[in-house]
């Protein structure tokens, strides 16, 4: 399967040193050893198996979580702890780190995967439970996911499948034991537990591209009730009474982004296009949009905008046009760019339509906005830091160059085109063929000439 991570990663510092010491690891390939490595906090409500090279744990309680605890032989003020977790899609599972006991209370940090694409970290003290971090990862998949926490001093970095998710700071607990967590009513699987003594620096993704040929949404976070389908190496988004947005984690400062969109059906007045998101200190998500409509209008909005205006442009091809049994589907290439001496420039089909001087926040996510009552065909999404919308490097999905879409024509019946450009329908009808005048005709797909003697 083609990798869709498609991201050029710039390391802020060297990631884990070559001589990193592994303090503890368990790949569950030896049930006897694994049985000695872990002790259950509630053995009366959990069943554990180490068969098949993985740990399977089933929590039979509806009320209490179970921890499978490993006591580390030494305190680690600096460490990286990684676990592969396989949980049911609609359930939660996770692990503890810097785990300890004060009185009869378990203290330390708890990380778990929510049934959505969120990763959350809680701090457990003797008297309270405090949320320290909540992030969304576009790289969570069905089956196993590798979740990693790396600590140095009071800083913690969180990774999902080797993609940086976010960081938080806290100095309450400097070290401690580790544990696998099975939440109430959950059967979860774990594999490849590793603890080493190195800190892994955060990395910054600088580009992302998707031609939707792999048939999955790896790298995307979906919100809303829209229906997603993959058709002919493209993505079909269909909405009814609510919007559907797709965004990918990407921090952008000076960048170029492009996407090809075709309005297939639905409202001509519902907007669609680029969606930019950020993060605020109060945990709100500021948004900005650069959008068009099927009626060939465009507009923009920023967080301070309560409403926005739409303007006409013939540069926009917009919604499909039907006449005489013939449907013309059009493709629009949307582009947004921002450079050090410019604002945010919005282009459609290579023509600049407007410039927004400032959107009011730093971009942490970019993607697609699809309002209600729409059916859109989307292709060739690419966003990259720099002056070109190009992702270069290994495992990169490059923008298609052999499929420059402008218009597609669909007819109810076969037809040909005469030398004057007139469409002649029902060409499959034998009587129609006989009545044609001698000459050269062009097939409907414009790929084959037909000679009539």
Protein backbone atom coordinates (compact mmCIF):
# COMPACT_ATOMS: atom_id res chain seq x y z
CA UNK A 1 0.00 0.00 0.00
CA UNK A 2 1.31 3.40 -0.89
CA UNK A 3 2.34 5.33 2.17
CA UNK A 4 0.19 8.38 2.75
CA UNK A 5 2.30 9.99 5.42
CA UNK A 6 3.83 11.91 2.52
CA UNK A 7 5.57 14.29 4.86
CA UNK A 8 9.03 15.77 4.71
CA UNK A 9 10.19 15.84 8.31
CA UNK A 10 12.68 18.37 9.59
CA UNK A 11 14.25 17.24 12.84
CA UNK A 12 14.69 20.07 15.30
CA UNK A 13 17.45 18.09 17.01
CA UNK A 14 18.90 14.62 16.50
CA UNK A 15 16.32 12.01 17.45
CA UNK A 16 17.29 9.16 19.72
CA UNK A 17 21.01 8.66 20.04
CA UNK A 18 22.58 5.61 18.40
CA UNK A 19 23.81 4.34 21.77
CA UNK A 20 20.42 4.58 23.50
CA UNK A 21 20.23 1.99 26.27
CA UNK A 22 17.14 -0.22 26.38
CA UNK A 23 16.07 -0.45 30.01
CA UNK A 24 13.13 -2.82 29.49
CA UNK A 25 11.38 -4.48 26.58
CA UNK A 26 8.79 -7.19 26.04
CA UNK A 27 7.62 -8.38 22.63
CA UNK A 28 5.54 -11.15 24.27
CA UNK A 29 7.24 -13.84 22.22
CA UNK A 30 8.03 -15.86 25.38
CA UNK A 31 4.91 -16.38 27.54
CA UNK A 32 6.95 -17.55 30.52
CA UNK A 33 9.07 -14.40 30.61
CA UNK A 34 6.09 -12.12 29.96
CA UNK A 35 4.16 -13.75 32.79
CA UNK A 36 6.97 -12.70 35.14
CA UNK A 37 7.20 -9.17 33.72
CA UNK A 38 3.68 -8.03 34.60
CA UNK A 39 1.38 -8.07 37.63
CA UNK A 40 -2.32 -7.23 37.50
CA UNK A 41 -3.80 -4.62 39.83
CA UNK A 42 -7.07 -6.60 39.87
CA UNK A 43 -6.45 -10.21 38.95
CA UNK A 44 -10.06 -11.06 39.86
CA UNK A 45 -11.55 -9.11 36.94
CA UNK A 46 -9.01 -9.65 34.16
CA UNK A 47 -7.94 -12.59 32.03
CA UNK A 48 -4.50 -12.41 30.42
CA UNK A 49 -2.90 -14.39 27.62
CA UNK A 50 0.59 -14.08 26.15
CA UNK A 51 -0.04 -16.36 23.17
CA UNK A 52 0.78 -15.55 19.56
CA UNK A 53 3.48 -13.00 20.31
CA UNK A 54 1.12 -10.46 21.88
CA UNK A 55 -0.53 -9.71 25.20
CA UNK A 56 -4.31 -10.06 25.21
CA UNK A 57 -6.13 -8.74 28.28
CA UNK A 58 -9.89 -8.84 28.86
CA UNK A 59 -11.43 -6.72 31.62
CA UNK A 60 -14.71 -8.27 32.76
CA UNK A 61 -15.66 -5.36 35.05
CA UNK A 62 -18.09 -2.66 33.97
CA UNK A 63 -16.74 -0.20 36.54
CA UNK A 64 -13.03 -0.64 37.21
CA UNK A 65 -9.91 -0.36 35.09
CA UNK A 66 -7.10 -2.89 35.37
CA UNK A 67 -3.38 -2.12 35.25
CA UNK A 68 -0.71 -4.60 34.17
CA UNK A 69 2.26 -3.15 36.06
CA UNK A 70 5.96 -3.56 35.41
CA UNK A 71 8.35 -2.41 38.14
CA UNK A 72 11.41 -0.80 36.58
CA UNK A 73 14.75 -1.55 38.20
CA UNK A 74 15.86 2.07 38.19
CA UNK A 75 14.46 5.60 38.26
CA UNK A 76 14.62 7.29 34.87
CA UNK A 77 14.41 11.10 34.87
CA UNK A 78 14.86 10.90 31.09
CA UNK A 79 13.16 8.15 29.09
CA UNK A 80 11.10 7.12 26.07
CA UNK A 81 8.26 4.63 26.64
CA UNK A 82 6.53 3.09 23.62
CA UNK A 83 3.70 0.56 23.34
CA UNK A 84 1.76 -0.89 20.43
CA UNK A 85 -1.96 -0.97 21.26
CA UNK A 86 -4.78 -2.77 19.45
CA UNK A 87 -8.21 -1.93 20.88
CA UNK A 88 -11.83 -2.17 19.73
CA UNK A 89 -12.83 0.80 17.57
CA UNK A 90 -15.46 2.09 19.99
CA UNK A 91 -13.47 1.49 23.19
CA UNK A 92 -10.54 3.09 25.06
CA UNK A 93 -7.18 1.65 26.11
CA UNK A 94 -3.81 3.04 27.12
CA UNK A 95 -0.97 2.99 29.65
CA UNK A 96 0.56 4.65 32.72
CA UNK A 97 4.06 6.09 33.14
CA UNK A 98 5.88 7.60 36.13
CA UNK A 99 3.56 5.33 38.09
CA UNK A 100 3.71 5.17 41.87
CA UNK A 101 1.62 4.73 45.02
CA UNK A 102 0.97 7.25 47.78
CA UNK A 103 -1.05 5.92 50.66
CA UNK A 104 -3.65 3.78 48.96
CA UNK A 105 -3.77 5.96 45.85
CA UNK A 106 -2.20 5.28 42.46
CA UNK A 107 -0.37 8.38 41.24
CA UNK A 108 1.35 9.21 37.97
CA UNK A 109 0.41 9.96 34.38
CA UNK A 110 -2.25 8.14 32.38
CA UNK A 111 -2.43 8.17 28.58
CA UNK A 112 -5.18 6.53 26.59
CA UNK A 113 -6.68 6.47 23.11
CA UNK A 114 -10.25 7.67 22.90
CA UNK A 115 -12.71 6.00 20.56
CA UNK A 116 -12.29 9.05 18.32
CA UNK A 117 -8.88 10.10 16.96
CA UNK A 118 -7.89 11.74 20.24
CA UNK A 119 -5.04 11.00 22.63
CA UNK A 120 -5.51 12.28 26.17
CA UNK A 121 -3.14 12.49 29.17
CA UNK A 122 -4.30 12.79 32.78
CA UNK A 123 -2.26 13.42 35.93
CA UNK A 124 -3.36 11.42 38.96
CA UNK A 125 -2.45 12.88 42.33
CA UNK A 126 -3.55 11.84 45.81
CA UNK A 127 -6.44 14.30 45.72
CA UNK A 128 -7.28 15.10 42.09
CA UNK A 129 -7.19 14.09 38.44
CA UNK A 130 -6.01 16.83 36.07
CA UNK A 131 -6.06 16.82 32.28
CA UNK A 132 -2.62 17.78 30.94
CA UNK A 133 -2.95 17.11 27.24
CA UNK A 134 -5.48 16.30 24.56
CA UNK A 135 -4.43 15.99 20.96
CA UNK A 136 -5.83 14.66 17.74
CA UNK A 137 -3.79 12.35 15.53
CA UNK A 138 -4.49 11.84 11.86
CA UNK A 139 -2.27 8.76 11.92
CA UNK A 140 -4.32 6.44 14.11
CA UNK A 141 -5.31 3.34 12.15
CA UNK A 142 -7.43 0.26 12.74
CA UNK A 143 -5.46 -2.51 14.40
CA UNK A 144 -2.18 -1.78 16.15
CA UNK A 145 -0.98 1.77 16.81
CA UNK A 146 2.39 2.61 18.35
CA UNK A 147 2.02 5.28 21.02
CA UNK A 148 5.16 6.84 22.46
CA UNK A 149 5.86 9.26 25.31
CA UNK A 150 9.30 10.80 25.75
CA UNK A 151 10.32 12.76 28.86
CA UNK A 152 13.20 15.07 29.74
CA UNK A 153 13.02 17.31 32.84
CA UNK A 154 9.45 18.64 32.86
CA UNK A 155 8.80 18.24 29.11
CA UNK A 156 6.87 15.36 27.56
CA UNK A 157 6.53 14.66 23.80
CA UNK A 158 3.73 12.44 22.50
CA UNK A 159 3.96 10.48 19.23
CA UNK A 160 1.52 8.29 17.31
CA UNK A 161 2.99 5.88 14.76
CA UNK A 162 6.20 7.96 14.71
CA UNK A 163 4.26 11.16 13.97
CA UNK A 164 4.56 13.97 16.53
CA UNK A 165 1.18 14.62 18.14
CA UNK A 166 1.98 17.28 20.72
CA UNK A 167 3.75 18.07 23.98
CA UNK A 168 3.00 19.15 27.53
CA UNK A 169 4.98 20.15 30.62
CA UNK A 170 4.63 19.01 34.21
CA UNK A 171 7.08 18.47 37.09
CA UNK A 172 4.91 16.56 39.56
CA UNK A 173 6.46 13.13 38.95
CA UNK A 174 10.05 12.73 37.79
CA UNK A 175 10.11 8.94 37.32
CA UNK A 176 8.30 5.74 38.20
CA UNK A 177 7.01 2.44 36.90
CA UNK A 178 5.03 1.69 33.74
CA UNK A 179 1.73 -0.11 33.23
CA UNK A 180 -0.66 -1.22 30.51
CA UNK A 181 -4.26 -0.11 31.10
CA UNK A 182 -7.39 -2.09 30.24
CA UNK A 183 -10.45 0.05 30.78
CA UNK A 184 -13.84 -1.35 31.96
CA UNK A 185 -15.46 -3.87 29.61
CA UNK A 186 -12.56 -3.76 27.14
CA UNK A 187 -10.49 -6.51 25.57
CA UNK A 188 -7.26 -5.00 24.29
CA UNK A 189 -4.01 -6.30 22.81
CA UNK A 190 -0.49 -4.98 23.42
CA UNK A 191 2.86 -5.61 21.77
CA UNK A 192 6.46 -4.36 21.57
CA UNK A 193 6.76 -2.55 24.89
CA UNK A 194 10.09 -0.66 25.06
CA UNK A 195 11.60 1.68 27.63
CA UNK A 196 14.94 3.37 26.95
CA UNK A 197 16.94 6.13 28.58
CA UNK A 198 16.89 8.69 25.76
CA UNK A 199 14.70 11.70 24.96
CA UNK A 200 13.11 11.93 21.52
CA UNK A 201 12.82 15.45 20.20
CA UNK A 202 9.69 16.67 18.45
CA UNK A 203 9.71 16.78 14.68
CA UNK A 204 7.84 19.14 12.42
CA UNK A 205 6.04 17.99 9.30
CA UNK A 206 6.56 20.45 6.48
CA UNK A 207 4.38 18.95 3.75
CA UNK A 208 1.59 16.49 3.07
CA UNK A 209 0.14 15.18 -0.18
CA UNK A 210 -2.61 12.74 -1.09
CA UNK A 211 -3.86 11.61 -4.50
CA UNK A 212 -6.43 9.33 -2.77
CA UNK A 213 -5.28 6.27 -4.73
CA UNK A 214 -4.63 4.13 -1.63
CA UNK A 215 -8.31 4.05 -0.63
CA UNK A 216 -7.92 5.11 3.01
CA UNK A 217 -7.82 8.30 5.07
CA UNK A 218 -4.46 7.80 6.76
CA UNK A 219 -3.18 11.29 7.55
CA UNK A 220 -6.65 12.85 7.72
CA UNK A 221 -8.98 13.66 10.61
CA UNK A 222 -12.67 13.69 9.66
CA UNK A 223 -15.31 15.73 11.46
CA UNK A 224 -19.00 15.92 10.65
CA UNK A 225 -21.54 13.44 9.30
CA UNK A 226 -20.53 13.37 5.66
CA UNK A 227 -20.14 10.15 3.70
CA UNK A 228 -16.68 9.34 2.34
CA UNK A 229 -16.10 7.12 -0.70
CA UNK A 230 -13.11 6.41 -2.91
CA UNK A 231 -13.87 6.47 -6.64
CA UNK A 232 -11.36 6.11 -9.48
CA UNK A 233 -8.40 7.24 -7.38
CA UNK A 234 -10.36 10.26 -6.13
CA UNK A 235 -12.29 11.07 -2.96
CA UNK A 236 -16.06 11.60 -3.00
CA UNK A 237 -17.50 13.63 -0.11
CA UNK A 238 -21.30 13.70 0.20
CA UNK A 239 -23.18 15.72 2.83
CA UNK A 240 -26.86 16.14 3.62
CA UNK A 241 -27.92 18.22 6.62
CA UNK A 242 -24.48 19.00 8.09
CA UNK A 243 -20.95 19.86 7.01
CA UNK A 244 -18.01 17.48 6.71
CA UNK A 245 -14.39 18.61 7.14
CA UNK A 246 -11.12 16.76 6.57
CA UNK A 247 -7.89 18.19 8.01
CA UNK A 248 -4.32 17.00 8.39
CA UNK A 249 -1.80 17.98 11.08
CA UNK A 250 0.61 20.41 9.42
CA UNK A 251 2.26 23.49 10.87
CA UNK A 252 2.57 26.06 8.08
CA UNK A 253 4.06 29.56 8.04
CA UNK A 254 5.04 30.37 4.45
CA UNK A 255 3.52 27.78 2.18
CA UNK A 256 1.58 26.79 -0.94
CA UNK A 257 -1.42 24.43 -0.97
CA UNK A 258 -3.47 23.09 -3.89
CA UNK A 259 -6.44 20.81 -4.42
CA UNK A 260 -8.66 19.83 -7.37
CA UNK A 261 -12.41 19.86 -6.69
CA UNK A 262 -15.39 18.97 -8.87
CA UNK A 263 -18.95 19.89 -7.84
CA UNK A 264 -21.00 16.76 -8.63
CA UNK A 265 -24.45 17.51 -7.23
CA UNK A 266 -26.30 19.30 -4.48
CA UNK A 267 -26.69 22.97 -3.65
CA UNK A 268 -25.03 25.52 -5.92
CA UNK A 269 -24.89 27.92 -2.98
CA UNK A 270 -23.15 25.75 -0.35
CA UNK A 271 -19.45 26.70 0.01
CA UNK A 272 -16.51 24.32 -0.22
CA UNK A 273 -12.74 24.68 -0.39
CA UNK A 274 -9.77 25.12 1.97
CA UNK A 275 -10.08 25.04 5.75
CA UNK A 276 -7.24 26.31 7.98
CA UNK A 277 -7.18 25.64 11.72
CA UNK A 278 -5.01 26.66 14.67
CA UNK A 279 -4.81 26.34 18.44
CA UNK A 280 -5.46 28.97 21.10
CA UNK A 281 -4.38 29.08 24.77
CA UNK A 282 -8.01 28.55 25.82
CA UNK A 283 -8.12 25.27 23.79
CA UNK A 284 -10.50 26.75 21.22
CA UNK A 285 -9.86 26.00 17.53
CA UNK A 286 -9.74 29.17 15.38
CA UNK A 287 -10.67 28.61 11.73
CA UNK A 288 -10.29 30.35 8.41
CA UNK A 289 -11.76 29.37 5.07
CA UNK A 290 -11.04 30.07 1.41
CA UNK A 291 -14.07 28.80 -0.44
CA UNK A 292 -16.06 28.73 -3.69
CA UNK A 293 -19.59 27.65 -4.61
CA UNK A 294 -21.18 25.79 -7.49
CA UNK A 295 -22.72 29.08 -8.63
CA UNK A 296 -19.20 30.35 -9.44
CA UNK A 297 -18.74 32.57 -6.42
CA UNK A 298 -15.88 32.83 -3.92
CA UNK A 299 -15.24 34.22 -0.46
CA UNK A 300 -13.11 34.00 2.67
CA UNK A 301 -13.67 34.06 6.41
CA UNK A 302 -11.44 34.43 9.49
CA UNK A 303 -12.15 33.85 13.22
CA UNK A 304 -13.29 37.45 13.79
CA UNK A 305 -15.83 37.19 10.95
CA UNK A 306 -19.44 36.67 11.97
CA UNK A 307 -20.53 36.58 8.32
CA UNK A 308 -18.78 36.87 4.99
CA UNK A 309 -19.57 38.02 1.48
CA UNK A 310 -19.43 36.04 -1.76
CA UNK A 311 -18.30 37.48 -5.09
CA UNK A 312 -18.76 36.33 -8.68
CA UNK A 313 -15.88 35.11 -10.83
CA UNK A 314 -15.97 33.56 -14.29
CA UNK A 315 -12.62 31.95 -13.50
CA UNK A 316 -14.54 29.45 -11.37
CA UNK A 317 -16.05 26.59 -13.38
CA UNK A 318 -18.39 25.50 -10.60
CA UNK A 319 -21.31 23.09 -10.72
CA UNK A 320 -22.14 20.68 -13.51
CA UNK A 321 -24.23 21.85 -16.47
CA UNK A 322 -26.85 19.65 -18.12
CA UNK A 323 -28.67 20.16 -21.39
CA UNK A 324 -30.20 17.77 -23.90
CA UNK A 325 -29.17 14.67 -22.02
CA UNK A 326 -25.58 15.87 -21.80
CA UNK A 327 -23.89 16.67 -18.47
CA UNK A 328 -20.68 18.66 -18.23
CA UNK A 329 -18.71 18.11 -15.01
CA UNK A 330 -16.09 20.77 -14.33
CA UNK A 331 -12.89 20.71 -12.26
CA UNK A 332 -11.53 23.68 -10.32
CA UNK A 333 -7.96 23.87 -9.02
CA UNK A 334 -7.90 25.84 -5.78
CA UNK A 335 -4.68 27.30 -4.44
CA UNK A 336 -3.78 29.24 -1.32
CA UNK A 337 -0.32 30.63 -0.67
CA UNK A 338 1.41 32.74 1.97
CA UNK A 339 4.94 34.13 1.73
CA UNK A 340 6.95 36.51 3.99
CA UNK A 341 5.98 39.65 2.03
CA UNK A 342 2.43 38.67 1.07
CA UNK A 343 -0.84 37.96 2.74
CA UNK A 344 -2.85 34.81 2.10
CA UNK A 345 -3.48 34.74 -1.67
CA UNK A 346 -6.44 32.71 -2.91
CA UNK A 347 -6.30 31.49 -6.52
CA UNK A 348 -8.75 29.48 -8.59
CA UNK A 349 -7.52 27.94 -11.82
CA UNK A 350 -4.28 29.94 -11.54
CA UNK A 351 -6.05 33.31 -11.25
CA UNK A 352 -5.66 35.28 -8.01
CA UNK A 353 -9.13 36.22 -6.77
CA UNK A 354 -8.33 37.86 -3.43
CA UNK A 355 -5.73 38.42 -0.70
CA UNK A 356 -6.31 38.28 3.05
CA UNK A 357 -3.57 40.19 4.92
CA UNK A 358 -3.79 38.14 8.14
CA UNK A 359 -5.95 35.32 9.50
CA UNK A 360 -5.09 35.87 13.18
CA UNK A 361 -3.54 32.53 14.21
CA UNK A 362 -0.72 30.10 13.48
CA UNK A 363 -1.75 27.20 11.26
CA UNK A 364 -1.59 23.74 12.83
CA UNK A 365 -4.04 21.96 10.50
CA UNK A 366 -5.05 22.39 6.87
CA UNK A 367 -7.62 20.56 4.82
CA UNK A 368 -10.99 20.55 3.13
CA UNK A 369 -14.28 22.22 4.00
CA UNK A 370 -17.48 20.74 2.57
CA UNK A 371 -20.75 22.39 3.63
CA UNK A 372 -24.10 20.64 3.84
CA UNK A 373 -26.12 19.53 0.78
CA UNK A 374 -23.14 18.78 -1.45
CA UNK A 375 -21.44 16.01 -3.35
CA UNK A 376 -17.82 16.78 -4.26
CA UNK A 377 -15.11 14.83 -6.05
CA UNK A 378 -11.68 15.74 -4.62
CA UNK A 379 -8.24 14.91 -5.96
CA UNK A 380 -4.54 15.85 -5.79
CA UNK A 381 -4.33 17.56 -2.41
CA UNK A 382 -0.88 18.92 -1.57
CA UNK A 383 0.35 21.46 1.01
CA UNK A 384 3.99 22.31 1.60
CA UNK A 385 6.09 24.83 3.45
CA UNK A 386 8.08 26.90 0.95
CA UNK A 387 7.32 28.44 -2.42
CA UNK A 388 5.97 25.38 -4.26
CA UNK A 389 3.21 22.86 -3.62
CA UNK A 390 5.59 19.92 -3.93
CA UNK A 391 6.41 17.13 -1.50
CA UNK A 392 9.84 15.67 -2.18
CA UNK A 393 11.53 12.77 -0.48
CA UNK A 394 10.96 9.12 0.30
CA UNK A 395 7.43 7.73 0.54
CA UNK A 396 5.98 10.94 -0.86
CA UNK A 397 2.76 11.12 -2.78
CA UNK A 398 3.33 13.56 -5.60
CA UNK A 399 0.70 15.59 -7.33
CA UNK A 400 -0.54 13.92 -10.49
CA UNK A 401 0.81 15.50 -13.66
CA UNK A 402 -0.80 13.27 -16.27
CA UNK A 403 -4.39 14.06 -15.45
CA UNK A 404 -5.02 17.79 -15.83
CA UNK A 405 -8.76 17.89 -15.37
CA UNK A 406 -10.90 20.65 -16.76
CA UNK A 407 -14.19 19.13 -17.86
CA UNK A 408 -15.84 15.75 -18.21
CA UNK A 409 -18.90 15.14 -20.39
CA UNK A 410 -21.52 12.50 -19.64
CA UNK A 411 -24.28 11.61 -22.13
CA UNK A 412 -27.26 9.39 -21.76
CA UNK A 413 -26.73 7.88 -25.25
CA UNK A 414 -23.66 7.28 -27.46
CA UNK A 415 -22.81 10.09 -29.86
CA UNK A 416 -20.23 11.32 -32.36
CA UNK A 417 -19.16 14.78 -33.47
CA UNK A 418 -19.22 15.88 -37.13
CA UNK A 419 -16.55 18.13 -38.77
CA UNK A 420 -18.55 21.23 -37.80
CA UNK A 421 -18.53 20.26 -34.12
CA UNK A 422 -22.17 19.17 -34.01
CA UNK A 423 -23.07 16.24 -31.71
CA UNK A 424 -24.96 13.39 -33.41
CA UNK A 425 -26.72 11.19 -30.81
CA UNK A 426 -27.86 7.56 -31.08
CA UNK A 427 -24.85 6.55 -33.11
CA UNK A 428 -25.40 2.96 -31.95
CA UNK A 429 -28.66 2.94 -33.88
CA UNK A 430 -28.10 1.16 -37.22
CA UNK A 431 -30.52 3.45 -39.10
CA UNK A 432 -28.67 6.53 -37.85
CA UNK A 433 -25.40 5.10 -39.14
CA UNK A 434 -26.89 4.48 -42.58
CA UNK A 435 -28.25 8.03 -42.86
CA UNK A 436 -24.90 9.69 -42.11
CA UNK A 437 -23.26 11.61 -44.92
CA UNK A 438 -19.80 10.39 -46.02
CA UNK A 439 -16.95 12.01 -44.09
CA UNK A 440 -14.76 11.86 -40.99
CA UNK A 441 -16.40 11.91 -37.55
CA UNK A 442 -14.91 12.10 -34.06
CA UNK A 443 -15.96 9.66 -31.33
CA UNK A 444 -17.50 10.97 -28.12
CA UNK A 445 -14.32 10.33 -26.18
CA UNK A 446 -12.36 12.33 -28.80
CA UNK A 447 -9.84 9.52 -29.00
CA UNK A 448 -10.91 7.78 -32.22
CA UNK A 449 -11.78 9.11 -35.70
CA UNK A 450 -14.59 7.35 -37.57
CA UNK A 451 -14.61 7.25 -41.39
CA UNK A 452 -18.04 6.97 -43.06
CA UNK A 453 -17.86 6.01 -46.76
